[in-house]
Amino acid sequence: NACEQYRVLERELPKHEAVKQSVAVSVQKVNAALDAVGQAWEGYKAAAASGDQRTEYLKNMESSASHVLEAFNDSAEGVGFFNRLLDYLRTLRQQIDDFVFARSEERADLLGSVSRQLAGMNINAPNPNSGAPPSAPW
């Protein structure tokens, strides 16, 4: 029985040699296709990793751009603050200059008035040594 099966196999097996070779070629093609799929998968993973790097790079660029815009807005607000401060200081300086000018004019008027009063006193002032009444200015 076992011998008979063995002989049948030996006799029938060479008949299927063409099919065996065809299957072997197909297996080689499938293995080559699997290798190509594996390489394509590795290429996809590398591209996805570089895509992740690209995505990370773009996220970093967006973050940097938002920080720059925030700094720009803050500096514009600071410039506006200092411009208002300069306007207030100019107004204050003008008011101080006006105040100083008014006090200088007032001082000059007071000095003139005091000088006239002193000059008038000297003309009309009695001489303590003479004993005579002061003379009339007319």
Protein backbone atom coordinates (compact mmCIF):
# COMPACT_ATOMS: atom_id res chain seq x y z
CA ASN A 1 0.00 0.00 0.00
CA ALA A 2 2.55 2.57 1.04
CA CYS A 3 4.88 1.35 -1.64
CA GLU A 4 2.18 1.53 -4.22
CA GLN A 5 1.38 5.13 -3.25
CA TYR A 6 5.05 5.99 -3.46
CA ARG A 7 5.35 4.54 -6.94
CA VAL A 8 2.25 6.39 -8.11
CA LEU A 9 3.69 9.61 -6.79
CA GLU A 10 7.00 9.03 -8.55
CA ARG A 11 5.22 8.29 -11.76
CA GLU A 12 2.70 11.17 -11.62
CA LEU A 13 4.94 13.84 -10.10
CA PRO A 14 7.00 14.52 -13.24
CA LYS A 15 3.76 15.17 -15.13
CA HIS A 16 3.15 18.17 -12.91
CA GLU A 17 6.68 19.59 -13.19
CA ALA A 18 5.50 22.39 -15.50
CA VAL A 19 2.81 23.37 -13.02
CA LYS A 20 5.40 23.18 -10.21
CA GLN A 21 7.71 25.54 -12.11
CA SER A 22 4.79 27.82 -12.93
CA VAL A 23 3.88 27.91 -9.24
CA ALA A 24 7.51 28.57 -8.31
CA VAL A 25 7.65 31.48 -10.77
CA SER A 26 4.37 32.78 -9.39
CA VAL A 27 5.72 32.47 -5.83
CA GLN A 28 8.84 34.39 -6.89
CA LYS A 29 6.66 37.07 -8.47
CA VAL A 30 4.51 37.26 -5.34
CA ASN A 31 7.66 37.51 -3.19
CA ALA A 32 9.00 40.27 -5.46
CA ALA A 33 5.64 42.04 -5.27
CA LEU A 34 5.68 41.67 -1.46
CA ASP A 35 9.18 43.16 -1.37
CA ALA A 36 7.96 46.03 -3.56
CA VAL A 37 4.95 46.54 -1.28
CA GLY A 38 7.28 46.46 1.77
CA GLN A 39 9.57 49.04 0.17
CA ALA A 40 6.59 51.17 -0.79
CA TRP A 41 5.33 50.92 2.79
CA GLU A 42 8.72 51.96 4.16
CA GLY A 43 8.78 54.84 1.65
CA TYR A 44 5.29 55.86 2.75
CA LYS A 45 6.30 55.76 6.41
CA ALA A 46 9.41 57.85 5.64
CA ALA A 47 7.28 60.31 3.66
CA ALA A 48 4.74 60.41 6.47
CA ALA A 49 7.56 61.02 8.96
CA SER A 50 8.90 63.82 6.80
CA GLY A 51 5.31 65.02 6.43
CA ASP A 52 5.17 65.06 10.22
CA GLN A 53 8.38 67.07 10.18
CA ARG A 54 6.82 69.37 7.62
CA THR A 55 3.68 69.65 9.72
CA GLU A 56 5.78 70.34 12.81
CA TYR A 57 7.79 72.92 10.86
CA LEU A 58 4.59 74.62 9.67
CA LYS A 59 3.20 74.60 13.22
CA ASN A 60 6.42 76.20 14.46
CA MET A 61 6.23 78.80 11.69
CA GLU A 62 2.61 79.58 12.57
CA SER A 63 3.51 79.89 16.24
CA SER A 64 6.43 82.18 15.40
CA ALA A 65 4.25 84.30 13.14
CA SER A 66 1.62 84.67 15.87
CA HIS A 67 4.34 85.68 18.36
CA VAL A 68 5.69 88.25 15.90
CA LEU A 69 2.19 89.66 15.32
CA GLU A 70 1.60 89.80 19.06
CA ALA A 71 4.92 91.61 19.57
CA PHE A 72 4.05 93.98 16.71
CA ASN A 73 0.65 94.77 18.24
CA ASP A 74 2.22 95.24 21.69
CA SER A 75 4.88 97.55 20.28
CA ALA A 76 2.24 99.53 18.35
CA GLU A 77 0.30 99.89 21.60
CA GLY A 78 3.51 101.00 23.35
CA VAL A 79 4.26 103.53 20.61
CA GLY A 80 0.71 104.87 20.93
CA PHE A 81 1.15 105.18 24.70
CA PHE A 82 4.41 107.10 24.33
CA ASN A 83 2.91 109.35 21.64
CA ARG A 84 0.05 110.24 23.99
CA LEU A 85 2.57 110.76 26.79
CA LEU A 86 4.63 113.08 24.56
CA ASP A 87 1.48 115.04 23.68
CA TYR A 88 0.66 115.41 27.38
CA LEU A 89 4.24 116.50 28.10
CA ARG A 90 4.13 119.06 25.28
CA THR A 91 0.86 120.42 26.67
CA LEU A 92 2.32 120.52 30.17
CA ARG A 93 5.47 122.27 28.92
CA GLN A 94 3.38 124.86 27.10
CA GLN A 95 1.34 125.46 30.24
CA ILE A 96 4.54 125.78 32.29
CA ASP A 97 6.02 128.19 29.75
CA ASP A 98 2.80 130.23 29.84
CA PHE A 99 2.87 130.24 33.65
CA VAL A 100 6.54 131.31 33.72
CA PHE A 101 5.88 134.05 31.15
CA ALA A 102 2.86 135.32 33.14
CA ARG A 103 4.90 135.38 36.37
CA SER A 104 7.78 137.15 34.59
CA GLU A 105 5.39 139.79 33.26
CA GLU A 106 3.82 140.11 36.68
CA ARG A 107 7.27 140.48 38.26
CA ALA A 108 8.28 143.10 35.70
CA ASP A 109 5.04 145.04 36.37
CA LEU A 110 5.59 144.80 40.13
CA LEU A 111 9.21 145.93 39.83
CA GLY A 112 8.12 148.88 37.68
CA SER A 113 5.41 149.76 40.16
CA VAL A 114 7.78 149.49 43.11
CA SER A 115 10.40 151.53 41.25
CA ARG A 116 7.84 154.27 40.51
CA GLN A 117 6.69 154.29 44.12
CA LEU A 118 10.27 154.53 45.34
CA ALA A 119 10.99 157.30 42.87
CA GLY A 120 7.85 159.14 43.98
CA MET A 121 8.81 158.78 47.62
CA ASN A 122 12.23 160.24 47.03
CA ILE A 123 10.73 163.33 45.39
CA ASN A 124 8.06 163.85 48.01
CA ALA A 125 9.98 162.51 51.01
CA PRO A 126 10.65 165.11 53.76
CA ASN A 127 14.23 165.75 54.66
CA PRO A 128 14.56 164.91 58.34
CA ASN A 129 17.30 167.52 58.76
CA SER A 130 15.45 170.47 57.19
CA GLY A 131 12.38 170.57 59.36
CA ALA A 132 10.42 172.18 56.54
CA PRO A 133 7.36 170.54 55.08
CA PRO A 134 7.77 168.91 51.73
CA SER A 135 7.13 171.04 48.77
CA ALA A 136 4.19 170.50 46.52
CA PRO A 137 4.98 168.92 43.16
CA TRP A 138 3.18 171.67 41.19
